[in-house]
N, C-alpha and C. Protein backbone atom coordinates (compact mmCIF):
# COMPACT_ATOMS: atom_id res chain seq x y z
N MET A 1 -24.51 3.39 -63.74
CA MET A 1 -23.96 2.17 -63.23
C MET A 1 -24.16 2.09 -61.73
N GLY A 2 -24.64 0.97 -61.36
CA GLY A 2 -24.87 0.73 -59.94
C GLY A 2 -23.62 0.22 -59.23
N GLU A 3 -23.44 0.68 -58.03
CA GLU A 3 -22.29 0.23 -57.26
C GLU A 3 -22.69 -0.94 -56.40
N ALA A 4 -21.80 -1.89 -56.31
CA ALA A 4 -22.06 -3.07 -55.48
C ALA A 4 -21.68 -2.74 -54.04
N VAL A 5 -22.51 -3.12 -53.12
CA VAL A 5 -22.25 -2.90 -51.70
C VAL A 5 -21.96 -4.26 -51.08
N TRP A 6 -20.81 -4.37 -50.46
CA TRP A 6 -20.42 -5.63 -49.83
C TRP A 6 -20.70 -5.57 -48.35
N VAL A 7 -21.36 -6.56 -47.86
CA VAL A 7 -21.65 -6.66 -46.43
C VAL A 7 -20.94 -7.90 -45.92
N ILE A 8 -20.05 -7.72 -45.00
CA ILE A 8 -19.32 -8.85 -44.42
C ILE A 8 -19.72 -8.97 -42.97
N GLU A 9 -20.17 -10.14 -42.59
CA GLU A 9 -20.52 -10.38 -41.20
C GLU A 9 -19.28 -10.83 -40.45
N MET A 10 -19.02 -10.20 -39.34
CA MET A 10 -17.86 -10.57 -38.53
C MET A 10 -18.38 -11.17 -37.23
N LYS A 11 -17.79 -12.25 -36.86
CA LYS A 11 -18.17 -12.91 -35.62
C LYS A 11 -17.00 -12.88 -34.67
N ARG A 12 -17.31 -12.74 -33.40
CA ARG A 12 -16.26 -12.78 -32.38
C ARG A 12 -15.88 -14.22 -32.09
N LYS A 13 -14.64 -14.36 -31.67
CA LYS A 13 -14.21 -15.69 -31.23
C LYS A 13 -14.91 -15.98 -29.91
N PRO A 14 -15.27 -17.22 -29.69
CA PRO A 14 -15.89 -17.54 -28.41
C PRO A 14 -14.89 -17.31 -27.27
N GLN A 15 -15.39 -16.69 -26.21
CA GLN A 15 -14.54 -16.40 -25.06
C GLN A 15 -14.23 -17.68 -24.30
N THR A 16 -12.95 -17.89 -24.07
CA THR A 16 -12.56 -19.04 -23.26
C THR A 16 -12.50 -18.61 -21.82
N LYS A 17 -12.77 -19.51 -20.93
CA LYS A 17 -12.75 -19.19 -19.51
C LYS A 17 -11.30 -18.98 -19.08
N ALA A 18 -11.02 -17.84 -18.49
CA ALA A 18 -9.66 -17.51 -18.09
C ALA A 18 -9.24 -18.35 -16.89
N GLU A 19 -7.99 -18.76 -16.91
CA GLU A 19 -7.45 -19.52 -15.79
C GLU A 19 -7.15 -18.56 -14.66
N ALA A 20 -7.29 -19.04 -13.45
CA ALA A 20 -6.97 -18.22 -12.29
C ALA A 20 -5.45 -18.13 -12.16
N VAL A 21 -4.94 -16.92 -12.13
CA VAL A 21 -3.50 -16.72 -12.00
C VAL A 21 -3.07 -16.96 -10.56
N VAL A 22 -3.88 -16.49 -9.64
CA VAL A 22 -3.60 -16.66 -8.22
C VAL A 22 -4.55 -17.71 -7.67
N PRO A 23 -4.02 -18.70 -6.97
CA PRO A 23 -4.90 -19.72 -6.40
C PRO A 23 -5.93 -19.09 -5.45
N ALA A 24 -7.12 -19.65 -5.42
CA ALA A 24 -8.21 -19.10 -4.61
C ALA A 24 -7.85 -19.05 -3.13
N GLU A 25 -7.12 -20.05 -2.63
CA GLU A 25 -6.73 -20.07 -1.22
C GLU A 25 -5.84 -18.88 -0.88
N LEU A 26 -4.86 -18.61 -1.73
CA LEU A 26 -3.94 -17.50 -1.50
C LEU A 26 -4.66 -16.17 -1.58
N LEU A 27 -5.59 -16.04 -2.49
CA LEU A 27 -6.37 -14.82 -2.62
C LEU A 27 -7.21 -14.57 -1.37
N GLU A 28 -7.82 -15.61 -0.86
CA GLU A 28 -8.64 -15.49 0.35
C GLU A 28 -7.77 -15.11 1.55
N GLN A 29 -6.60 -15.72 1.64
CA GLN A 29 -5.67 -15.41 2.73
C GLN A 29 -5.24 -13.94 2.67
N ALA A 30 -4.98 -13.44 1.48
CA ALA A 30 -4.60 -12.04 1.31
C ALA A 30 -5.74 -11.11 1.72
N LYS A 31 -6.96 -11.47 1.37
CA LYS A 31 -8.12 -10.64 1.74
C LYS A 31 -8.26 -10.58 3.25
N ARG A 32 -8.08 -11.72 3.93
CA ARG A 32 -8.17 -11.73 5.40
C ARG A 32 -7.06 -10.91 6.02
N SER A 33 -5.88 -10.96 5.44
CA SER A 33 -4.74 -10.20 5.95
C SER A 33 -5.02 -8.70 5.90
N VAL A 34 -5.57 -8.25 4.78
CA VAL A 34 -5.89 -6.83 4.63
C VAL A 34 -6.99 -6.43 5.60
N ALA A 35 -7.95 -7.29 5.80
CA ALA A 35 -9.06 -6.99 6.70
C ALA A 35 -8.56 -6.80 8.13
N THR A 36 -7.59 -7.59 8.57
CA THR A 36 -7.07 -7.43 9.93
C THR A 36 -6.26 -6.15 10.05
N ASP A 37 -5.58 -5.73 8.96
CA ASP A 37 -4.84 -4.47 9.00
C ASP A 37 -5.77 -3.29 9.18
N LEU A 38 -6.95 -3.38 8.61
CA LEU A 38 -7.91 -2.28 8.73
C LEU A 38 -8.48 -2.18 10.14
N LEU A 39 -8.42 -3.27 10.89
CA LEU A 39 -8.98 -3.29 12.23
C LEU A 39 -7.99 -2.81 13.30
N LYS A 40 -6.75 -2.54 12.92
CA LYS A 40 -5.76 -2.09 13.90
C LYS A 40 -6.23 -0.78 14.53
N LYS A 41 -5.98 -0.68 15.83
CA LYS A 41 -6.40 0.53 16.53
C LYS A 41 -5.48 1.69 16.17
N THR A 42 -6.08 2.83 16.00
CA THR A 42 -5.28 4.01 15.75
C THR A 42 -5.21 4.80 17.05
N THR A 43 -4.05 5.37 17.28
CA THR A 43 -3.85 6.20 18.46
C THR A 43 -3.47 7.59 17.98
N HIS A 44 -3.17 8.45 18.90
CA HIS A 44 -2.76 9.79 18.55
C HIS A 44 -1.29 9.97 18.90
N CYS A 45 -0.58 10.70 18.05
CA CYS A 45 0.84 10.95 18.23
C CYS A 45 1.05 11.69 19.55
N SER A 46 2.06 11.26 20.31
CA SER A 46 2.32 11.88 21.60
C SER A 46 2.94 13.27 21.46
N VAL A 47 3.40 13.64 20.26
CA VAL A 47 4.01 14.94 20.06
C VAL A 47 3.03 15.94 19.43
N CYS A 48 2.45 15.56 18.29
CA CYS A 48 1.62 16.53 17.56
C CYS A 48 0.12 16.21 17.61
N GLY A 49 -0.25 15.00 18.04
CA GLY A 49 -1.66 14.65 18.17
C GLY A 49 -2.29 14.07 16.92
N ALA A 50 -1.51 13.87 15.85
CA ALA A 50 -2.05 13.30 14.61
C ALA A 50 -2.38 11.82 14.82
N GLU A 51 -3.33 11.30 14.03
CA GLU A 51 -3.67 9.89 14.13
C GLU A 51 -2.50 9.04 13.66
N THR A 52 -2.24 7.96 14.36
CA THR A 52 -1.15 7.08 14.01
C THR A 52 -1.41 5.68 14.54
N THR A 53 -0.73 4.71 13.98
CA THR A 53 -0.75 3.37 14.54
C THR A 53 0.53 3.24 15.34
N ALA A 54 0.44 2.71 16.52
CA ALA A 54 1.58 2.61 17.41
C ALA A 54 2.60 1.62 16.85
N VAL A 55 3.81 2.11 16.63
CA VAL A 55 4.91 1.26 16.20
C VAL A 55 5.98 1.41 17.27
N GLY A 56 6.31 0.31 17.92
CA GLY A 56 7.30 0.38 18.98
C GLY A 56 6.65 0.83 20.28
N ASP A 57 7.47 1.41 21.14
CA ASP A 57 6.99 1.81 22.48
C ASP A 57 6.29 3.16 22.47
N GLU A 58 6.72 4.05 21.58
CA GLU A 58 6.16 5.40 21.57
C GLU A 58 5.17 5.57 20.43
N PRO A 59 4.00 6.10 20.73
CA PRO A 59 3.04 6.36 19.64
C PRO A 59 3.40 7.66 18.93
N LEU A 60 4.18 7.55 17.85
CA LEU A 60 4.57 8.72 17.07
C LEU A 60 4.04 8.58 15.66
N CYS A 61 3.62 9.70 15.07
CA CYS A 61 3.23 9.68 13.67
C CYS A 61 4.51 9.58 12.84
N TRP A 62 4.37 9.35 11.56
CA TRP A 62 5.57 9.13 10.74
C TRP A 62 6.44 10.38 10.65
N VAL A 63 5.82 11.56 10.71
CA VAL A 63 6.59 12.80 10.62
C VAL A 63 7.45 12.96 11.87
N CYS A 64 6.84 12.82 13.04
CA CYS A 64 7.58 12.97 14.29
C CYS A 64 8.63 11.88 14.44
N ARG A 65 8.33 10.68 13.97
CA ARG A 65 9.31 9.59 14.03
C ARG A 65 10.53 9.93 13.17
N ARG A 66 10.29 10.47 11.96
CA ARG A 66 11.40 10.84 11.09
C ARG A 66 12.21 11.99 11.68
N LEU A 67 11.54 12.94 12.30
CA LEU A 67 12.26 14.05 12.94
C LEU A 67 13.12 13.55 14.08
N LYS A 68 12.61 12.60 14.84
CA LYS A 68 13.36 12.03 15.96
C LYS A 68 14.61 11.31 15.44
N ILE A 69 14.45 10.51 14.38
CA ILE A 69 15.58 9.79 13.81
C ILE A 69 16.62 10.78 13.26
N SER A 70 16.15 11.83 12.61
CA SER A 70 17.06 12.84 12.07
C SER A 70 17.83 13.53 13.20
N ALA A 71 17.16 13.81 14.30
CA ALA A 71 17.81 14.44 15.43
C ALA A 71 18.87 13.51 16.02
N TRP A 72 18.58 12.22 16.12
CA TRP A 72 19.57 11.27 16.62
C TRP A 72 20.80 11.26 15.73
N LYS A 73 20.60 11.23 14.42
CA LYS A 73 21.73 11.22 13.48
C LYS A 73 22.55 12.49 13.61
N GLU A 74 21.88 13.62 13.78
CA GLU A 74 22.58 14.90 13.91
C GLU A 74 23.43 14.92 15.18
N ILE A 75 22.90 14.39 16.27
CA ILE A 75 23.64 14.34 17.53
C ILE A 75 24.85 13.42 17.39
N GLU A 76 24.66 12.27 16.73
CA GLU A 76 25.77 11.34 16.54
C GLU A 76 26.88 11.95 15.71
N GLN A 77 26.56 12.80 14.76
CA GLN A 77 27.57 13.44 13.93
C GLN A 77 28.31 14.52 14.69
N GLN A 78 27.67 15.17 15.66
CA GLN A 78 28.29 16.24 16.43
C GLN A 78 29.17 15.69 17.54
N MET A 79 28.90 14.48 18.02
CA MET A 79 29.66 13.91 19.13
C MET A 79 31.16 13.79 18.82
N PRO A 80 31.59 13.22 17.70
CA PRO A 80 33.02 13.10 17.43
C PRO A 80 33.72 14.47 17.29
N ALA A 81 33.01 15.47 16.80
CA ALA A 81 33.60 16.80 16.64
C ALA A 81 33.93 17.43 17.97
N GLN A 82 33.16 17.11 19.03
CA GLN A 82 33.40 17.70 20.34
C GLN A 82 34.57 17.05 21.06
N GLU A 83 34.88 15.82 20.75
CA GLU A 83 35.95 15.10 21.44
C GLU A 83 37.31 15.52 21.04
């Protein structure tokens, strides 16, 4: 006895053109914004010499900035104990 072989052709649905989720103007504006961020000048940290972008008056890297803030908090906590 011979076995029947079934061949079924499957076709894909035609692809519909996807709608833009983000307007083209907003997308272009975002691209320009990122491009200007990349052009910011980098300086060196005044404490450790690591590359950093200057934030505020002192060019500190994020590590030295966090250490400075921690030191300020520690001093503020010790002040009331001395009085």
